[in-house]
Amino acid sequence: MAAPVVIGIVAGPRDGEVTSALLRTILDGDEPYGRAGVLGARETYDGVEWTPRPAPGAGGPLARWDDHLAHARERGLPYLIAELGEKDPRPQVDLLCTLGAGGAGTVRAGGRGLSFSARSPMADVGAGAIRSGYGLVRFRATTPSWDDVVALPLTGAFNVGPALAAIGVCELLGVDREQVANGLLHARASAHGGLCSSPDGRVFALIEDSADPRDGERLAEAARADYESFVHETVRGAGAVDAAVAHAYKRDGATMLVLLGDPADRLEDAFQLATRRRAKIVA
């Protein structure tokens, strides 16, 4: 495939962003922003232009498609990842990854294809022995070329689907096991289950800024299972964070807040300010 290899990811907004984040970390390796561009909801980076959180109505990854492709080619980026909505037109891509709501899907490039699933033993790329707890998901990944335990720093076993999607893409690209495992372990998806903590370790928060309420419910359920020794509270909106933190500091033991209902940066800023006030770091 000629550079850049254009990788299209078709999934729901939340899972598409997580798959993109995992895949990009794997492909970049030890060169952040050096090997993989991304056209997505969280940011656009094509080797020349960088735009954080493109404005709604800006046209998504299809807007100025030819310009982004030309920039990536000009800068010599080996890969360009495009997050495509489930109803978006399909631009020409070299590799297409489709992830369904149940965490299963396919990866296709030319005449080659792989299936992936966390549940079906018939899938080409699968997962077994799934364990999720305290911000880490571990499972045994099986591909046509390798079989090993991998881990990713996210809350909730539902993240195995996006991880398998990224692994399937890497399998068709010929990325080796070590690079895949290392990338997954160091990946971040801060807006979708990102973990924050107070300076004194008394209050923690998981953030989900998906507009789909089912994603927030799924994270809250996973938090209760993964952090079972914590007191749990779901907080909706940045304006409610300060009061929730104040209540948490009146409790004994650790509290886990699940923050929903606003963009991740607003939720995180509200949490960091509230916890620093209670820890007497700021007035």
C-alpha atoms as a PDB file:
ATOM      1  CA  MET A   1       0.000   0.000   0.000  1.00  0.00           C
ATOM      2  CA  ALA A   2       1.240   3.496  -0.853  1.00  0.00           C
ATOM      3  CA  ALA A   3       1.748   5.973   1.987  1.00  0.00           C
ATOM      4  CA  PRO A   4      -0.257   7.178   3.637  1.00  0.00           C
ATOM      5  CA  VAL A   5      -2.302   4.044   4.193  1.00  0.00           C
ATOM      6  CA  VAL A   6      -5.798   5.429   4.750  1.00  0.00           C
ATOM      7  CA  ILE A   7      -7.676   3.537   7.470  1.00  0.00           C
ATOM      8  CA  GLY A   8     -11.408   4.101   7.779  1.00  0.00           C
ATOM      9  CA  ILE A   9     -13.134   3.271  11.074  1.00  0.00           C
ATOM     10  CA  VAL A  10     -16.912   2.853  10.943  1.00  0.00           C
ATOM     11  CA  ALA A  11     -18.514   2.622  14.386  1.00  0.00           C
ATOM     12  CA  GLY A  12     -20.726   4.474  16.821  1.00  0.00           C
ATOM     13  CA  PRO A  13     -19.201   7.790  17.935  1.00  0.00           C
ATOM     14  CA  ARG A  14     -17.892   6.547  21.283  1.00  0.00           C
ATOM     15  CA  ASP A  15     -16.419   3.255  20.077  1.00  0.00           C
ATOM     16  CA  GLY A  16     -15.052   4.887  16.939  1.00  0.00           C
ATOM     17  CA  GLU A  17     -13.117   7.444  18.975  1.00  0.00           C
ATOM     18  CA  VAL A  18     -11.733   4.789  21.327  1.00  0.00           C
ATOM     19  CA  THR A  19     -10.688   2.517  18.443  1.00  0.00           C
ATOM     20  CA  SER A  20      -8.996   5.459  16.741  1.00  0.00           C
ATOM     21  CA  ALA A  21      -7.127   6.419  19.934  1.00  0.00           C
ATOM     22  CA  LEU A  22      -5.910   2.871  20.551  1.00  0.00           C
ATOM     23  CA  LEU A  23      -4.870   2.344  16.939  1.00  0.00           C
ATOM     24  CA  ARG A  24      -3.086   5.638  16.685  1.00  0.00           C
ATOM     25  CA  THR A  25      -1.023   4.981  19.819  1.00  0.00           C
ATOM     26  CA  ILE A  26       0.002   1.581  18.454  1.00  0.00           C
ATOM     27  CA  LEU A  27       0.963   2.907  15.016  1.00  0.00           C
ATOM     28  CA  ASP A  28       2.837   5.946  16.361  1.00  0.00           C
ATOM     29  CA  GLY A  29       4.994   3.713  18.557  1.00  0.00           C
ATOM     30  CA  ASP A  30       7.669   5.878  20.165  1.00  0.00           C
ATOM     31  CA  GLU A  31       6.969   8.803  17.772  1.00  0.00           C
ATOM     32  CA  PRO A  32       3.813  10.632  18.956  1.00  0.00           C
ATOM     33  CA  TYR A  33       2.336  12.555  16.011  1.00  0.00           C
ATOM     34  CA  GLY A  34       5.149  11.152  13.913  1.00  0.00           C
ATOM     35  CA  ARG A  35       3.548   8.270  12.041  1.00  0.00           C
ATOM     36  CA  ALA A  36      -0.248   8.406  12.168  1.00  0.00           C
ATOM     37  CA  GLY A  37      -2.546  11.295  11.324  1.00  0.00           C
ATOM     38  CA  VAL A  38      -6.169  11.300  12.432  1.00  0.00           C
ATOM     39  CA  LEU A  39      -9.355  12.886  11.130  1.00  0.00           C
ATOM     40  CA  GLY A  40     -11.837  12.552  13.949  1.00  0.00           C
ATOM     41  CA  ALA A  41     -14.172  14.044  16.515  1.00  0.00           C
ATOM     42  CA  ARG A  42     -11.479  14.642  19.123  1.00  0.00           C
ATOM     43  CA  GLU A  43      -8.922  16.209  16.804  1.00  0.00           C
ATOM     44  CA  THR A  44      -7.774  16.566  13.230  1.00  0.00           C
ATOM     45  CA  TYR A  45      -4.087  16.128  12.470  1.00  0.00           C
ATOM     46  CA  ASP A  46      -2.746  15.546   8.966  1.00  0.00           C
ATOM     47  CA  GLY A  47       0.941  16.372   9.406  1.00  0.00           C
ATOM     48  CA  VAL A  48       0.395  20.045   8.556  1.00  0.00           C
ATOM     49  CA  GLU A  49      -2.807  21.121  10.300  1.00  0.00           C
ATOM     50  CA  TRP A  50      -3.922  20.376  13.852  1.00  0.00           C
ATOM     51  CA  THR A  51      -7.412  21.250  15.062  1.00  0.00           C
ATOM     52  CA  PRO A  52      -8.625  20.181  18.515  1.00  0.00           C
ATOM     53  CA  ARG A  53     -12.245  19.047  18.701  1.00  0.00           C
ATOM     54  CA  PRO A  54     -13.429  20.294  15.255  1.00  0.00           C
ATOM     55  CA  ALA A  55     -16.606  22.365  15.496  1.00  0.00           C
ATOM     56  CA  PRO A  56     -19.976  20.655  14.942  1.00  0.00           C
ATOM     57  CA  GLY A  57     -21.105  21.132  11.375  1.00  0.00           C
ATOM     58  CA  ALA A  58     -17.535  21.369  10.097  1.00  0.00           C
ATOM     59  CA  GLY A  59     -18.185  18.361   7.866  1.00  0.00           C
ATOM     60  CA  GLY A  60     -16.285  15.730   9.821  1.00  0.00           C
ATOM     61  CA  PRO A  61     -13.389  13.813   8.276  1.00  0.00           C
ATOM     62  CA  LEU A  62     -14.857  14.145   4.770  1.00  0.00           C
ATOM     63  CA  ALA A  63     -14.488  17.929   4.763  1.00  0.00           C
ATOM     64  CA  ARG A  64     -11.384  18.888   2.778  1.00  0.00           C
ATOM     65  CA  TRP A  65     -10.569  15.190   2.362  1.00  0.00           C
ATOM     66  CA  ASP A  66      -8.216  15.795  -0.577  1.00  0.00           C
ATOM     67  CA  ASP A  67      -6.335  18.528   1.338  1.00  0.00           C
ATOM     68  CA  HIS A  68      -5.796  16.312   4.372  1.00  0.00           C
ATOM     69  CA  LEU A  69      -4.622  13.440   2.199  1.00  0.00           C
ATOM     70  CA  ALA A  70      -2.205  15.722   0.347  1.00  0.00           C
ATOM     71  CA  HIS A  71      -0.803  17.080   3.615  1.00  0.00           C
ATOM     72  CA  ALA A  72      -0.247  13.599   5.022  1.00  0.00           C
ATOM     73  CA  ARG A  73       1.505  12.559   1.815  1.00  0.00           C
ATOM     74  CA  GLU A  74       3.619  15.737   1.806  1.00  0.00           C
ATOM     75  CA  ARG A  75       4.802  15.128   5.380  1.00  0.00           C
ATOM     76  CA  GLY A  76       5.439  11.447   4.794  1.00  0.00           C
ATOM     77  CA  LEU A  77       2.970  10.121   7.348  1.00  0.00           C
ATOM     78  CA  PRO A  78       2.719   6.349   6.877  1.00  0.00           C
ATOM     79  CA  TYR A  79      -0.899   6.218   8.141  1.00  0.00           C
ATOM     80  CA  LEU A  80      -4.019   8.381   8.146  1.00  0.00           C
ATOM     81  CA  ILE A  81      -6.938   7.277  10.352  1.00  0.00           C
ATOM     82  CA  ALA A  82     -10.421   8.559   9.512  1.00  0.00           C
ATOM     83  CA  GLU A  83     -13.325   8.167  11.950  1.00  0.00           C
ATOM     84  CA  LEU A  84     -16.370   7.658   9.739  1.00  0.00           C
ATOM     85  CA  GLY A  85     -19.916   7.855  11.044  1.00  0.00           C
ATOM     86  CA  GLU A  86     -22.158   4.874  10.434  1.00  0.00           C
ATOM     87  CA  LYS A  87     -24.255   6.958   8.013  1.00  0.00           C
ATOM     88  CA  ASP A  88     -21.423   8.904   6.380  1.00  0.00           C
ATOM     89  CA  PRO A  89     -20.608   8.418   2.677  1.00  0.00           C
ATOM     90  CA  ARG A  90     -17.675   6.072   2.197  1.00  0.00           C
ATOM     91  CA  PRO A  91     -14.564   7.756   0.799  1.00  0.00           C
ATOM     92  CA  GLN A  92     -11.912   5.631  -0.844  1.00  0.00           C
ATOM     93  CA  VAL A  93      -9.776   4.031   1.863  1.00  0.00           C
ATOM     94  CA  ASP A  94      -7.078   1.374   1.794  1.00  0.00           C
ATOM     95  CA  LEU A  95      -8.376  -0.475   4.845  1.00  0.00           C
ATOM     96  CA  LEU A  96     -11.889  -0.404   6.307  1.00  0.00           C
ATOM     97  CA  CYS A  97     -12.642  -1.419   9.901  1.00  0.00           C
ATOM     98  CA  THR A  98     -16.315  -1.836  10.836  1.00  0.00           C
ATOM     99  CA  LEU A  99     -17.216  -2.224  14.518  1.00  0.00           C
ATOM    100  CA  GLY A 100     -20.764  -3.070  15.586  1.00  0.00           C
ATOM    101  CA  ALA A 101     -22.545  -2.242  18.835  1.00  0.00           C
ATOM    102  CA  GLY A 102     -21.838  -5.713  20.242  1.00  0.00           C
ATOM    103  CA  GLY A 103     -18.060  -5.353  19.947  1.00  0.00           C
ATOM    104  CA  ALA A 104     -17.711  -7.548  16.843  1.00  0.00           C
ATOM    105  CA  GLY A 105     -16.867  -6.584  13.292  1.00  0.00           C
ATOM    106  CA  THR A 106     -14.595  -6.945  10.296  1.00  0.00           C
ATOM    107  CA  VAL A 107     -11.412  -5.480   8.872  1.00  0.00           C
ATOM    108  CA  ARG A 108     -10.932  -5.487   5.093  1.00  0.00           C
ATOM    109  CA  ALA A 109      -8.104  -4.400   2.809  1.00  0.00           C
ATOM    110  CA  GLY A 110      -8.290  -5.219  -0.878  1.00  0.00           C
ATOM    111  CA  GLY A 111      -9.062  -8.909  -1.181  1.00  0.00           C
ATOM    112  CA  ARG A 112      -8.076  -9.698   2.409  1.00  0.00           C
ATOM    113  CA  GLY A 113     -10.348  -9.671   5.414  1.00  0.00           C
ATOM    114  CA  LEU A 114     -10.547 -10.634   9.078  1.00  0.00           C
ATOM    115  CA  SER A 115     -13.390 -10.932  11.546  1.00  0.00           C
ATOM    116  CA  PHE A 116     -13.073 -10.020  15.224  1.00  0.00           C
ATOM    117  CA  SER A 117     -15.243 -10.734  18.238  1.00  0.00           C
ATOM    118  CA  ALA A 118     -14.896 -11.071  21.997  1.00  0.00           C
ATOM    119  CA  ARG A 119     -17.620 -13.725  22.048  1.00  0.00           C
ATOM    120  CA  SER A 120     -17.411 -15.907  18.955  1.00  0.00           C
ATOM    121  CA  PRO A 121     -14.756 -18.666  18.905  1.00  0.00           C
ATOM    122  CA  MET A 122     -14.998 -18.635  15.110  1.00  0.00           C
ATOM    123  CA  ALA A 123     -13.601 -15.094  14.732  1.00  0.00           C
ATOM    124  CA  ASP A 124     -10.130 -14.601  13.250  1.00  0.00           C
ATOM    125  CA  VAL A 125      -9.239 -12.178  16.046  1.00  0.00           C
ATOM    126  CA  GLY A 126     -10.704 -13.020  19.442  1.00  0.00           C
ATOM    127  CA  ALA A 127     -10.432 -12.498  23.174  1.00  0.00           C
ATOM    128  CA  GLY A 128     -10.553 -14.802  26.158  1.00  0.00           C
ATOM    129  CA  ALA A 129      -9.974 -14.696  29.909  1.00  0.00           C
ATOM    130  CA  ILE A 130     -11.245 -11.104  30.070  1.00  0.00           C
ATOM    131  CA  ARG A 131     -10.612  -9.376  33.390  1.00  0.00           C
ATOM    132  CA  SER A 132     -11.490  -5.769  34.209  1.00  0.00           C
ATOM    133  CA  GLY A 133     -10.700  -3.973  37.448  1.00  0.00           C
ATOM    134  CA  TYR A 134      -9.294  -0.769  38.885  1.00  0.00           C
ATOM    135  CA  GLY A 135      -8.773   0.939  35.551  1.00  0.00           C
ATOM    136  CA  LEU A 136      -7.160  -1.932  33.662  1.00  0.00           C
ATOM    137  CA  VAL A 137      -8.691  -4.393  31.195  1.00  0.00           C
ATOM    138  CA  ARG A 138      -6.690  -7.579  30.563  1.00  0.00           C
ATOM    139  CA  PHE A 139      -7.465 -10.346  28.106  1.00  0.00           C
ATOM    140  CA  ARG A 140      -5.834 -13.007  25.979  1.00  0.00           C
ATOM    141  CA  ALA A 141      -5.841 -11.849  22.371  1.00  0.00           C
ATOM    142  CA  THR A 142      -5.752 -14.456  19.612  1.00  0.00           C
ATOM    143  CA  THR A 143      -4.864 -13.547  16.021  1.00  0.00           C
ATOM    144  CA  PRO A 144      -3.735 -15.585  13.009  1.00  0.00           C
ATOM    145  CA  SER A 145      -0.094 -14.715  13.822  1.00  0.00           C
ATOM    146  CA  TRP A 146       0.113 -14.515  17.631  1.00  0.00           C
ATOM    147  CA  ASP A 147      -1.595 -15.321  20.916  1.00  0.00           C
ATOM    148  CA  ASP A 148      -0.796 -13.402  24.108  1.00  0.00           C
ATOM    149  CA  VAL A 149      -2.196 -11.485  27.079  1.00  0.00           C
ATOM    150  CA  VAL A 150      -2.628  -7.739  26.510  1.00  0.00           C
ATOM    151  CA  ALA A 151      -3.878  -4.919  28.722  1.00  0.00           C
ATOM    152  CA  LEU A 152      -5.301  -1.452  28.244  1.00  0.00           C
ATOM    153  CA  PRO A 153      -5.750   1.307  30.850  1.00  0.00           C
ATOM    154  CA  LEU A 154      -9.520   1.776  30.546  1.00  0.00           C
ATOM    155  CA  THR A 155     -12.504   0.963  32.738  1.00  0.00           C
ATOM    156  CA  GLY A 156     -14.997  -1.645  31.547  1.00  0.00           C
ATOM    157  CA  ALA A 157     -14.777  -4.903  29.641  1.00  0.00           C
ATOM    158  CA  PHE A 158     -16.842  -3.318  26.820  1.00  0.00           C
ATOM    159  CA  ASN A 159     -13.561  -1.719  25.677  1.00  0.00           C
ATOM    160  CA  VAL A 160     -12.395  -5.136  24.442  1.00  0.00           C
ATOM    161  CA  GLY A 161     -14.393  -4.581  21.220  1.00  0.00           C
ATOM    162  CA  PRO A 162     -12.498  -1.413  20.194  1.00  0.00           C
ATOM    163  CA  ALA A 163      -9.227  -3.090  21.250  1.00  0.00           C
ATOM    164  CA  LEU A 164      -9.927  -6.084  19.004  1.00  0.00           C
ATOM    165  CA  ALA A 165     -10.773  -3.721  16.147  1.00  0.00           C
ATOM    166  CA  ALA A 166      -7.378  -2.036  16.544  1.00  0.00           C
ATOM    167  CA  ILE A 167      -5.636  -5.417  16.796  1.00  0.00           C
ATOM    168  CA  GLY A 168      -7.397  -6.613  13.639  1.00  0.00           C
ATOM    169  CA  VAL A 169      -6.252  -3.559  11.713  1.00  0.00           C
ATOM    170  CA  CYS A 170      -2.685  -4.094  12.908  1.00  0.00           C
ATOM    171  CA  GLU A 171      -2.842  -7.756  11.904  1.00  0.00           C
ATOM    172  CA  LEU A 172      -3.622  -6.825   8.291  1.00  0.00           C
ATOM    173  CA  LEU A 173      -0.936  -4.112   8.370  1.00  0.00           C
ATOM    174  CA  GLY A 174       1.688  -6.567   9.640  1.00  0.00           C
ATOM    175  CA  VAL A 175       2.369  -4.754  12.933  1.00  0.00           C
ATOM    176  CA  ASP A 176       4.122  -7.122  15.347  1.00  0.00           C
ATOM    177  CA  ARG A 177       2.790  -8.363  18.691  1.00  0.00           C
ATOM    178  CA  GLU A 178       5.209  -6.354  20.830  1.00  0.00           C
ATOM    179  CA  GLN A 179       4.266  -3.030  19.230  1.00  0.00           C
ATOM    180  CA  VAL A 180       0.550  -3.831  19.522  1.00  0.00           C
ATOM    181  CA  ALA A 181       0.772  -4.840  23.189  1.00  0.00           C
ATOM    182  CA  ASN A 182       2.927  -1.842  24.116  1.00  0.00           C
ATOM    183  CA  GLY A 183       0.635   0.578  22.301  1.00  0.00           C
ATOM    184  CA  LEU A 184      -2.491  -0.760  23.986  1.00  0.00           C
ATOM    185  CA  LEU A 185      -0.875  -0.540  27.410  1.00  0.00           C
ATOM    186  CA  HIS A 186       0.020   3.132  26.945  1.00  0.00           C
ATOM    187  CA  ALA A 187      -3.088   4.278  25.076  1.00  0.00           C
ATOM    188  CA  ARG A 188      -5.460   6.902  26.438  1.00  0.00           C
ATOM    189  CA  ALA A 189      -9.060   7.780  25.649  1.00  0.00           C
ATOM    190  CA  SER A 190      -9.519  10.522  28.230  1.00  0.00           C
ATOM    191  CA  ALA A 191     -13.034  11.562  27.157  1.00  0.00           C
ATOM    192  CA  HIS A 192     -14.330   7.999  27.363  1.00  0.00           C
ATOM    193  CA  GLY A 193     -13.592   6.528  30.759  1.00  0.00           C
ATOM    194  CA  GLY A 194     -10.559   8.652  31.527  1.00  0.00           C
ATOM    195  CA  LEU A 195      -9.580   8.471  35.202  1.00  0.00           C
ATOM    196  CA  CYS A 196      -8.858  11.567  37.312  1.00  0.00           C
ATOM    197  CA  SER A 197      -7.899  11.716  40.976  1.00  0.00           C
ATOM    198  CA  SER A 198      -7.698  14.337  43.690  1.00  0.00           C
ATOM    199  CA  PRO A 199      -4.194  15.299  44.829  1.00  0.00           C
ATOM    200  CA  ASP A 200      -4.695  13.495  48.150  1.00  0.00           C
ATOM    201  CA  GLY A 201      -6.172  10.334  46.619  1.00  0.00           C
ATOM    202  CA  ARG A 202      -9.540  10.613  48.383  1.00  0.00           C
ATOM    203  CA  VAL A 203     -11.793  11.288  45.385  1.00  0.00           C
ATOM    204  CA  PHE A 204     -11.601   9.820  41.882  1.00  0.00           C
ATOM    205  CA  ALA A 205     -13.603  10.453  38.739  1.00  0.00           C
ATOM    206  CA  LEU A 206     -14.335   8.700  35.470  1.00  0.00           C
ATOM    207  CA  ILE A 207     -15.436  10.911  32.577  1.00  0.00           C
ATOM    208  CA  GLU A 208     -17.725  10.096  29.665  1.00  0.00           C
ATOM    209  CA  ASP A 209     -18.732  12.894  27.309  1.00  0.00           C
ATOM    210  CA  SER A 210     -20.662  10.788  24.803  1.00  0.00           C
ATOM    211  CA  ALA A 211     -24.044  12.257  23.890  1.00  0.00           C
ATOM    212  CA  ASP A 212     -25.582   8.789  24.043  1.00  0.00           C
ATOM    213  CA  PRO A 213     -26.948   8.201  27.569  1.00  0.00           C
ATOM    214  CA  ARG A 214     -26.339   4.470  27.182  1.00  0.00           C
ATOM    215  CA  ASP A 215     -22.586   5.099  27.158  1.00  0.00           C
ATOM    216  CA  GLY A 216     -22.820   6.919  30.490  1.00  0.00           C
ATOM    217  CA  GLU A 217     -24.942   4.150  31.992  1.00  0.00           C
ATOM    218  CA  ARG A 218     -22.469   1.555  30.764  1.00  0.00           C
ATOM    219  CA  LEU A 219     -19.540   3.392  32.353  1.00  0.00           C
ATOM    220  CA  ALA A 220     -21.375   3.835  35.658  1.00  0.00           C
ATOM    221  CA  GLU A 221     -22.145   0.114  35.760  1.00  0.00           C
ATOM    222  CA  ALA A 222     -18.538  -0.755  34.949  1.00  0.00           C
ATOM    223  CA  ALA A 223     -17.285   1.615  37.657  1.00  0.00           C
ATOM    224  CA  ARG A 224     -19.377  -0.160  40.281  1.00  0.00           C
ATOM    225  CA  ALA A 225     -17.977  -3.512  39.183  1.00  0.00           C
ATOM    226  CA  ASP A 226     -14.349  -2.457  38.675  1.00  0.00           C
ATOM    227  CA  TYR A 227     -14.040  -0.277  41.799  1.00  0.00           C
ATOM    228  CA  GLU A 228     -16.258  -2.278  44.129  1.00  0.00           C
ATOM    229  CA  SER A 229     -14.639  -1.015  47.338  1.00  0.00           C
ATOM    230  CA  PHE A 230     -15.429   2.638  46.506  1.00  0.00           C
ATOM    231  CA  VAL A 231     -18.504   4.733  47.252  1.00  0.00           C
ATOM    232  CA  HIS A 232     -20.111   5.566  43.889  1.00  0.00           C
ATOM    233  CA  GLU A 233     -22.001   8.603  42.634  1.00  0.00           C
ATOM    234  CA  THR A 234     -23.077   9.666  39.151  1.00  0.00           C
ATOM    235  CA  VAL A 235     -22.822  13.422  38.521  1.00  0.00           C
ATOM    236  CA  ARG A 236     -24.539  15.119  35.584  1.00  0.00           C
ATOM    237  CA  GLY A 237     -23.073  18.388  34.361  1.00  0.00           C
ATOM    238  CA  ALA A 238     -19.981  20.391  35.266  1.00  0.00           C
ATOM    239  CA  GLY A 239     -22.053  22.668  37.483  1.00  0.00           C
ATOM    240  CA  ALA A 240     -22.851  19.790  39.836  1.00  0.00           C
ATOM    241  CA  VAL A 241     -19.268  18.621  40.318  1.00  0.00           C
ATOM    242  CA  ASP A 242     -18.288  20.963  43.162  1.00  0.00           C
ATOM    243  CA  ALA A 243     -21.174  19.851  45.392  1.00  0.00           C
ATOM    244  CA  ALA A 244     -20.463  16.178  44.644  1.00  0.00           C
ATOM    245  CA  VAL A 245     -16.806  16.605  45.579  1.00  0.00           C
ATOM    246  CA  ALA A 246     -17.798  18.413  48.777  1.00  0.00           C
ATOM    247  CA  HIS A 247     -20.044  15.488  49.738  1.00  0.00           C
ATOM    248  CA  ALA A 248     -17.274  13.025  48.918  1.00  0.00           C
ATOM    249  CA  TYR A 249     -14.873  14.752  51.333  1.00  0.00           C
ATOM    250  CA  LYS A 250     -17.391  14.262  54.157  1.00  0.00           C
ATOM    251  CA  ARG A 251     -17.329  10.488  53.680  1.00  0.00           C
ATOM    252  CA  ASP A 252     -14.916   7.935  55.026  1.00  0.00           C
ATOM    253  CA  GLY A 253     -12.994   5.995  52.389  1.00  0.00           C
ATOM    254  CA  ALA A 254     -12.556   6.614  48.677  1.00  0.00           C
ATOM    255  CA  THR A 255     -15.288   7.940  46.380  1.00  0.00           C
ATOM    256  CA  MET A 256     -15.623   7.301  42.649  1.00  0.00           C
ATOM    257  CA  LEU A 257     -17.597   9.910  40.710  1.00  0.00           C
ATOM    258  CA  VAL A 258     -18.838   9.224  37.185  1.00  0.00           C
ATOM    259  CA  LEU A 259     -19.026  12.576  35.387  1.00  0.00           C
ATOM    260  CA  LEU A 260     -21.509  12.939  32.525  1.00  0.00           C
ATOM    261  CA  GLY A 261     -23.473  15.522  30.593  1.00  0.00           C
ATOM    262  CA  ASP A 262     -20.823  17.995  29.394  1.00  0.00           C
ATOM    263  CA  PRO A 263     -17.670  17.943  27.241  1.00  0.00           C
ATOM    264  CA  ALA A 264     -14.803  16.087  28.909  1.00  0.00           C
ATOM    265  CA  ASP A 265     -12.585  19.149  29.272  1.00  0.00           C
ATOM    266  CA  ARG A 266     -15.279  21.049  31.208  1.00  0.00           C
ATOM    267  CA  LEU A 267     -15.949  18.081  33.463  1.00  0.00           C
ATOM    268  CA  GLU A 268     -12.262  17.535  34.170  1.00  0.00           C
ATOM    269  CA  ASP A 269     -11.607  21.238  34.837  1.00  0.00           C
ATOM    270  CA  ALA A 270     -14.526  21.348  37.292  1.00  0.00           C
ATOM    271  CA  PHE A 271     -13.267  18.229  39.074  1.00  0.00           C
ATOM    272  CA  GLN A 272      -9.670  19.414  39.318  1.00  0.00           C
ATOM    273  CA  LEU A 273     -10.696  22.821  40.685  1.00  0.00           C
ATOM    274  CA  ALA A 274     -13.130  21.330  43.231  1.00  0.00           C
ATOM    275  CA  THR A 275     -10.667  18.747  44.538  1.00  0.00           C
ATOM    276  CA  ARG A 276      -7.833  21.259  44.793  1.00  0.00           C
ATOM    277  CA  ARG A 277     -10.025  23.554  46.825  1.00  0.00           C
ATOM    278  CA  ARG A 278     -10.913  20.751  49.217  1.00  0.00           C
ATOM    279  CA  ALA A 279      -7.263  19.676  49.427  1.00  0.00           C
ATOM    280  CA  LYS A 280      -6.427  23.354  50.135  1.00  0.00           C
ATOM    281  CA  ILE A 281      -4.101  23.668  47.153  1.00  0.00           C
ATOM    282  CA  VAL A 282      -6.061  26.654  45.777  1.00  0.00           C
ATOM    283  CA  ALA A 283      -8.344  29.117  47.529  1.00  0.00           C
END
